[in-house]
Structure formats: structure tokens, C-alpha cells
């Protein structure tokens, strides 16, 4: 949650008009990561699929929620089914790659530094 909050603050500097949304969605992403990692019992020596699943689900949920806010609440964009499917696919791919890379980095580098 701390990393996502700092990322949100840094991103918000680039988009001053959207600070509440940028910060809110980044904090939500961090909270989802924490909750899902706990739910999937992600630990240092866990199977990679647990971390991949938690990052993928967090990315998909926040992506679709931010799309929903943009399209349905603020009416800034028209509804687009292709964009909705693209968000699902990109969220799944991004989360899977991020989770797998995090698992690899943890196993190969960080464990030696800490342990």
C-alpha cells in the first residue's frame, strides 16, 4: 500500500487536475494487492501463481473501475466494448508479467540480500 501511495503521489504531480482520482486509484490498487496477497497466502517461498493471480486481479479490478468512473460517472468517454475487452486483456497480461517478474526477482536477488 505504501509503494502504491508513493507511486500515486508521483503520478499526481504530472496530472494536477486529477489528483484525487490518481491517488485514490493507486491507494485502492495497493490495498487490493495487500488483501489479495494475504488471501492467496503469498509469501517469500510461495508458488509463482499466487503472486501472479493477486497482481492480475488487482490490475483488472482497478483498470475496470477507473474505466467505469470515466465512462459512467463523469461521462468523459462513450462506452466502448472493444476498450473494455482490451482493459481486461491488458490487465491480465500486465498483472501476470509483473507478478512473475516480482517472483523471479525475489527468488534470485532479494532473498540473498535479506537472508
Protein backbone atom coordinates (compact mmCIF):
# COMPACT_ATOMS: atom_id res chain seq x y z
CA UNK A 1 0.00 0.00 0.00
CA UNK A 2 2.87 2.38 0.77
CA UNK A 3 4.51 1.81 -2.61
CA UNK A 4 1.23 2.38 -4.46
CA UNK A 5 0.58 5.56 -2.47
CA UNK A 6 4.01 6.96 -3.28
CA UNK A 7 3.52 5.98 -6.93
CA UNK A 8 0.16 7.75 -6.90
CA UNK A 9 1.67 10.89 -5.41
CA UNK A 10 4.42 10.95 -8.02
CA UNK A 11 1.95 10.33 -10.84
CA UNK A 12 -0.37 13.01 -9.47
CA UNK A 13 2.39 15.58 -9.90
CA UNK A 14 2.05 15.07 -13.66
CA UNK A 15 -1.76 15.43 -13.65
CA UNK A 16 -2.69 18.06 -11.12
CA UNK A 17 -6.34 18.20 -12.19
CA UNK A 18 -6.84 14.50 -11.44
CA UNK A 19 -5.01 14.26 -8.10
CA UNK A 20 -7.95 12.78 -6.14
CA UNK A 21 -8.57 10.09 -8.73
CA UNK A 22 -4.93 9.23 -9.35
CA UNK A 23 -4.22 8.98 -5.65
CA UNK A 24 -7.48 7.16 -4.91
CA UNK A 25 -6.95 4.52 -7.58
CA UNK A 26 -3.32 3.99 -6.62
CA UNK A 27 -4.24 3.53 -2.95
CA UNK A 28 -7.03 1.16 -3.97
CA UNK A 29 -4.53 -0.82 -6.05
CA UNK A 30 -2.18 -1.08 -3.09
CA UNK A 31 -4.98 -2.17 -0.76
CA UNK A 32 -6.19 -4.74 -3.27
CA UNK A 33 -2.65 -6.08 -3.63
CA UNK A 34 -2.37 -6.42 0.15
CA UNK A 35 -5.76 -8.09 0.55
CA UNK A 36 -5.36 -10.44 -2.39
CA UNK A 37 -1.77 -11.35 -1.47
CA UNK A 38 -3.00 -12.19 2.02
CA UNK A 39 -5.98 -14.11 0.62
CA UNK A 40 -3.78 -16.15 -1.73
CA UNK A 41 -1.21 -16.61 1.06
CA UNK A 42 1.65 -15.09 -0.90
CA UNK A 43 4.90 -15.47 1.00
CA UNK A 44 8.57 -15.39 0.04
CA UNK A 45 8.69 -19.05 -0.98
CA UNK A 46 5.14 -19.29 -2.38
CA UNK A 47 4.32 -20.64 -5.79
CA UNK A 48 4.54 -18.00 -8.52
CA UNK A 49 0.87 -18.43 -9.47
CA UNK A 50 -0.23 -16.91 -6.16
CA UNK A 51 1.60 -13.65 -6.80
CA UNK A 52 0.59 -13.66 -10.47
CA UNK A 53 -3.07 -14.12 -9.55
CA UNK A 54 -3.06 -11.34 -6.96
CA UNK A 55 -1.34 -8.81 -9.24
CA UNK A 56 -3.53 -9.73 -12.21
CA UNK A 57 -6.79 -9.42 -10.29
CA UNK A 58 -5.72 -6.12 -8.71
CA UNK A 59 -4.77 -4.67 -12.08
CA UNK A 60 -8.00 -5.81 -13.75
CA UNK A 61 -10.23 -4.52 -10.94
CA UNK A 62 -8.60 -1.09 -10.76
CA UNK A 63 -8.50 -0.79 -14.56
CA UNK A 64 -12.19 -1.59 -14.97
CA UNK A 65 -13.15 0.61 -12.03
CA UNK A 66 -11.27 3.61 -13.42
CA UNK A 67 -12.88 2.96 -16.82
CA UNK A 68 -16.31 2.82 -15.16
CA UNK A 69 -15.73 6.13 -13.36
CA UNK A 70 -14.54 7.78 -16.57
CA UNK A 71 -17.40 6.50 -18.76
CA UNK A 72 -20.42 6.19 -16.49
CA UNK A 73 -19.91 8.71 -13.71
CA UNK A 74 -18.13 11.60 -15.43
CA UNK A 75 -19.31 10.83 -18.96
CA UNK A 76 -15.91 11.75 -20.41
CA UNK A 77 -15.87 8.89 -22.94
CA UNK A 78 -18.53 6.89 -24.74
CA UNK A 79 -18.94 3.23 -23.82
CA UNK A 80 -16.73 1.01 -25.97
CA UNK A 81 -16.88 -2.78 -25.75
CA UNK A 82 -13.53 -3.20 -27.51
CA UNK A 83 -11.88 -0.93 -24.95
CA UNK A 84 -13.46 -2.90 -22.11
CA UNK A 85 -12.09 -6.16 -23.51
CA UNK A 86 -8.70 -4.51 -24.06
CA UNK A 87 -8.61 -3.41 -20.41
CA UNK A 88 -9.35 -6.98 -19.31
CA UNK A 89 -6.68 -8.48 -21.57
CA UNK A 90 -4.07 -5.82 -20.81
CA UNK A 91 -4.78 -6.02 -17.08
CA UNK A 92 -4.38 -9.78 -17.15
CA UNK A 93 -1.17 -9.61 -19.18
CA UNK A 94 0.32 -6.74 -17.18
CA UNK A 95 -0.52 -8.34 -13.85
CA UNK A 96 0.79 -11.73 -14.93
CA UNK A 97 4.10 -10.34 -16.18
CA UNK A 98 4.51 -8.09 -13.13
CA UNK A 99 3.73 -10.94 -10.73
CA UNK A 100 6.08 -13.34 -12.48
CA UNK A 101 8.92 -10.81 -12.61
CA UNK A 102 8.42 -9.93 -8.95
CA UNK A 103 8.60 -13.63 -8.09
CA UNK A 104 11.79 -14.09 -10.13
CA UNK A 105 13.45 -11.02 -8.63
CA UNK A 106 12.53 -12.12 -5.13
CA UNK A 107 13.89 -15.62 -5.64
CA UNK A 108 17.10 -14.64 -7.39
CA UNK A 109 18.18 -11.36 -5.83
CA UNK A 110 16.32 -10.09 -2.80
CA UNK A 111 16.35 -13.29 -0.81
CA UNK A 112 20.17 -13.24 -0.84
CA UNK A 113 20.23 -9.65 0.37
CA UNK A 114 17.78 -10.21 3.20
CA UNK A 115 18.51 -13.78 4.24
